[in-house]
Protein backbone atom coordinates (compact mmCIF):
# COMPACT_ATOMS: atom_id res chain seq x y z
CA MET A 1 60.60 105.02 134.06
CA PRO A 2 61.44 106.76 130.68
CA THR A 3 59.27 105.77 127.69
CA PRO A 4 60.35 105.54 124.15
CA VAL A 5 58.38 107.73 121.78
CA ILE A 6 58.41 108.07 118.34
CA LEU A 7 57.74 111.88 117.05
CA PHE A 8 57.02 112.35 113.49
CA ARG A 9 57.90 115.90 111.81
CA ASN A 10 57.39 117.10 108.50
CA LEU A 11 55.02 113.99 107.56
CA GLN A 12 53.41 114.78 104.18
CA THR A 13 50.75 112.21 103.17
CA ARG A 14 48.42 114.28 101.03
CA GLU A 15 48.38 113.14 97.52
CA ASN A 16 48.33 116.57 95.95
CA ASP A 17 50.47 118.55 98.28
CA PRO A 18 53.10 120.12 96.33
CA GLN A 19 55.39 119.63 99.40
CA ARG A 20 55.00 115.89 99.61
CA PHE A 21 58.47 115.16 98.43
CA ALA A 22 59.93 117.21 101.21
CA PRO A 23 62.35 114.94 103.45
CA THR A 24 60.87 113.62 106.28
CA ARG A 25 62.53 113.00 109.67
CA ILE A 26 61.71 110.51 112.23
CA ILE A 27 62.94 111.18 115.55
CA ILE A 28 63.14 108.54 118.04
CA SER A 29 63.25 109.78 121.60
CA LYS A 30 63.11 108.84 125.39
CA THR A 31 60.60 111.22 127.50
CA GLN A 32 60.32 111.39 131.17
CA TRP A 33 56.54 111.46 131.67
CA PRO A 34 55.33 114.22 134.33
CA ASN A 35 52.88 111.89 135.91
CA ARG A 36 51.44 108.47 135.99
CA PHE A 37 48.18 109.83 134.12
CA GLY A 38 49.98 110.42 130.86
CA ALA A 39 50.56 113.69 129.97
CA THR A 40 51.20 114.79 126.51
CA PRO A 41 55.02 114.55 125.77
CA SER A 42 56.20 117.60 123.75
CA PRO A 43 59.78 118.41 122.15
CA ALA A 44 60.84 120.48 125.20
CA ASN A 45 60.85 117.37 127.42
CA CYS A 46 62.17 114.89 125.00
CA HIS A 47 65.72 113.87 124.65
CA SER A 48 66.59 112.65 120.96
CA ILE A 49 68.21 109.09 120.89
CA ALA A 50 68.92 108.92 116.98
CA GLU A 51 67.51 110.75 113.91
CA VAL A 52 66.74 108.75 110.78
CA ALA A 53 66.25 110.80 107.40
CA LEU A 54 63.49 109.56 105.24
CA HIS A 55 63.68 110.55 101.54
CA THR A 56 61.62 109.85 98.50
CA PRO A 57 61.90 106.67 96.22
CA GLU A 58 63.67 108.61 93.61
CA GLN A 59 66.51 109.69 96.27
CA LEU A 60 66.95 106.66 97.78
CA VAL A 61 67.37 104.72 94.43
CA LEU A 62 69.80 107.33 93.58
CA LYS A 63 71.54 107.17 96.78
CA MET A 64 71.70 103.25 96.45
CA LEU A 65 73.27 103.58 93.18
CA ILE A 66 75.92 105.84 94.27
CA ARG A 67 76.76 103.99 96.82
CA ARG A 68 77.22 100.82 94.71
CA PHE A 69 79.34 102.63 92.20
CA LEU A 70 81.73 103.77 94.94
CA ILE A 71 82.00 100.42 96.51
CA LEU A 72 82.73 98.88 93.18
CA LEU A 73 85.35 101.78 92.23
CA LEU A 74 87.07 100.91 95.75
CA LEU A 75 87.36 97.30 95.00
CA SER A 76 88.55 97.74 91.13
CA PHE A 77 91.59 99.65 92.97
CA THR A 78 92.24 97.48 95.89
CA PRO A 79 94.31 94.74 94.05
CA PHE A 80 96.78 97.56 92.69
CA ALA A 81 97.13 99.80 96.04
CA VAL A 82 97.58 96.92 98.37
CA GLY A 83 99.85 94.18 98.27
CA GLU A 84 101.27 95.04 94.46
CA ASP A 85 104.83 93.26 95.27
CA GLU A 86 103.13 90.39 97.06
CA THR A 87 100.87 89.28 94.16
CA LYS A 88 103.78 89.75 91.61
CA ILE A 89 104.98 86.23 90.62
CA GLU A 90 108.38 85.76 89.17
CA PRO A 91 109.28 82.90 86.96
CA GLU A 92 111.55 80.41 89.03
CA PRO A 93 115.03 79.43 87.47
CA GLU A 94 115.03 76.75 85.06
CA ALA A 95 117.91 74.62 83.34
CA GLU A 96 117.95 71.69 81.23
CA PHE A 97 120.78 69.30 79.98
CA LYS A 98 120.51 68.36 76.19
CA SER A 99 123.56 66.32 76.70
CA PRO A 100 124.61 64.08 78.47
CA ALA A 101 121.17 62.19 78.90
CA GLU A 102 120.29 60.47 81.91
CA GLY A 103 121.81 57.26 82.17
CA ASP A 104 124.28 57.75 79.20
CA GLU A 105 127.80 56.52 79.12
CA VAL A 106 130.83 58.93 78.41
CA ASP A 107 134.13 59.33 78.13
CA HIS A 108 136.49 60.72 80.61
CA VAL A 109 136.39 63.90 78.66
CA PHE A 110 132.83 65.15 77.26
CA THR A 111 130.89 68.43 76.51
CA ALA A 112 127.77 69.05 78.80
CA ARG A 113 125.34 71.20 76.78
CA GLY A 114 122.19 72.41 77.79
CA ARG A 115 120.37 76.09 78.51
CA THR A 116 119.28 78.02 81.45
CA ARG A 117 116.13 80.64 81.90
CA HIS A 118 114.81 83.00 84.08
CA ILE A 119 117.89 83.16 86.41
CA PRO A 120 118.14 86.42 88.53
CA ASP A 121 120.32 89.19 88.06
CA GLY A 122 123.38 88.70 90.23
CA PHE A 123 123.24 85.15 89.97
CA VAL A 124 125.48 82.84 87.53
CA PRO A 125 125.19 79.52 86.77
CA MET A 126 127.79 76.73 87.30
CA LEU A 127 128.69 72.95 86.80
CA PHE A 128 129.56 70.84 89.45
CA GLN A 129 130.52 67.15 89.39
CA VAL A 130 129.70 64.80 92.17
CA ASN A 131 130.95 61.54 93.28
CA PRO A 132 128.31 59.48 94.97
CA LYS A 133 131.25 58.23 97.58
CA ASP A 134 131.43 61.69 99.22
CA ASP A 135 128.90 64.06 97.67
CA PHE A 136 131.34 66.64 97.55
CA PRO A 137 130.31 69.01 94.63
CA LEU A 138 133.70 69.70 92.59
CA PRO A 139 133.52 72.69 90.30
CA SER A 140 133.95 71.47 86.81
CA ALA A 141 133.87 74.69 84.67
CA PRO A 142 134.19 78.34 85.43
CA PRO A 143 130.63 80.36 85.63
CA PHE A 144 129.02 81.05 82.18
CA ASP A 145 126.16 83.49 81.15
CA ALA A 146 122.99 82.79 82.45
CA ASN A 147 119.71 82.71 80.23
CA ARG A 148 121.26 81.27 77.26
CA THR A 149 122.17 78.16 75.76
CA PHE A 150 125.93 76.51 77.17
CA SER A 151 128.71 74.33 76.08
CA GLU A 152 131.15 73.39 78.71
CA THR A 153 133.78 70.76 78.70
CA ILE A 154 134.21 68.26 81.52
CA TYR A 155 137.40 66.57 82.35
CA PHE A 156 137.44 63.29 84.65
CA GLU A 157 140.93 61.61 85.91
CA GLU A 158 141.64 58.19 84.25
CA HIS A 159 140.80 56.43 87.44
CA ASP A 160 137.23 58.19 87.80
CA ILE A 161 135.07 55.12 86.72
CA GLY A 162 131.29 54.42 87.22
CA PRO A 163 128.32 56.67 88.07
CA ARG A 164 128.55 60.40 88.43
CA THR A 165 126.41 63.29 88.47
CA LEU A 166 126.53 66.47 87.02
CA GLU A 167 124.73 69.36 88.88
CA LEU A 168 123.80 72.82 87.56
CA HIS A 169 123.65 75.43 90.28
CA ILE A 170 123.30 79.17 90.47
CA LEU A 171 125.52 81.48 92.96
CA PRO A 172 125.88 85.06 93.49
CA GLU A 173 128.52 86.47 91.22
CA ALA A 174 130.66 86.87 94.10
CA ASP A 175 130.64 83.61 95.38
CA ALA A 176 131.15 81.91 91.77
CA GLU A 177 134.12 84.15 91.36
CA LYS A 178 135.72 82.77 94.30
CA LEU A 179 135.06 79.03 93.34
CA ALA A 180 136.41 79.70 90.15
CA GLU A 181 139.49 81.00 91.63
CA TRP A 182 139.81 78.20 93.84
CA ARG A 183 139.40 75.55 91.02
CA GLN A 184 142.21 77.26 88.86
CA ALA A 185 144.43 77.31 92.12
CA LEU A 186 143.75 73.51 92.20
CA ILE A 187 144.43 72.58 88.70
CA GLU A 188 147.68 74.66 89.01
CA TRP A 189 148.47 72.98 92.19
CA TYR A 190 147.53 69.23 90.66
CA GLU A 191 149.66 70.09 87.78
CA SER A 192 152.63 71.47 89.29
CA GLY A 193 154.29 68.28 90.15
CA GLN A 194 153.75 64.35 90.39
CA ASP A 195 155.35 64.33 93.71
CA PRO A 196 152.81 65.41 96.26
CA GLU A 197 155.51 66.65 98.47
CA ALA A 198 156.54 68.64 96.12
CA ARG A 199 153.27 70.34 95.49
CA GLY A 200 153.02 72.08 98.59
CA PRO A 201 149.83 72.32 100.65
CA GLU A 202 146.62 71.94 98.94
CA PRO A 203 144.40 75.34 98.22
CA ALA A 204 142.00 75.89 101.21
CA TYR A 205 138.28 75.37 100.29
CA ASP A 206 135.70 77.60 102.21
CA PRO A 207 132.59 75.54 102.58
CA THR A 208 130.52 79.12 102.67
CA TRP A 209 131.21 79.64 98.87
CA MET A 210 128.21 77.46 98.69
CA HIS A 211 125.70 78.55 101.15
CA ASN A 212 123.74 80.68 98.81
CA ALA A 213 124.04 78.48 95.79
CA ILE A 214 120.54 77.11 94.51
CA GLY A 215 120.85 73.65 92.94
CA ILE A 216 118.57 74.12 89.76
CA ASN A 217 118.99 70.64 87.80
CA ALA A 218 121.23 67.36 87.79
CA VAL A 219 121.94 64.46 85.38
CA ALA A 220 123.48 61.46 86.51
CA PHE A 221 125.58 59.23 83.95
CA VAL A 222 128.12 56.54 84.08
CA ILE A 223 132.29 57.00 83.01
CA LYS A 224 133.25 54.59 80.77
CA ASN A 225 136.03 51.95 81.89
């Protein structure tokens, strides 16, 4: 069986030897002994497994400091080099109502006031009135500018009485534009005449216009009798 042998080369152990700081190399080898009586191994019949370079204490400390510096340098750059987009946090869209307040009693015509913040580019806010009987979000006003205060007049029919909800959604500009056109067409259709037969068909509504809408805030109130 091959027997592991450790060969020491260039070991400098004398205190006054000027070469004592020379690098020392340890060779870990396996040797095929020529006979069972233990012949002396030599480099000629040794097969090196690994070599480990040993250095002076000063050199080892320097290598350790350099290695530590490189590791710290790598770690300091890692957050910026990897996943920069994933760590970037965008503020969420916000909206607040200043009036009406929650639970207020309002007339059939009133002004909704408030402010929006952090609305992303390409989106616009719109107000929708919701009847709890059908939960249909009816556009109450055209889209308005984002990330600023708003003041929009809200209209209800005379027969509208009781609890209602005003919701603020943000939508892609193209969808908001289509909803605004539909709302205007609905108003013109409704005001075209009192006789339902004379009005013709009601303007068609497409539910996909609200598929990309994001509800930001809502306020519940009561319409006075």
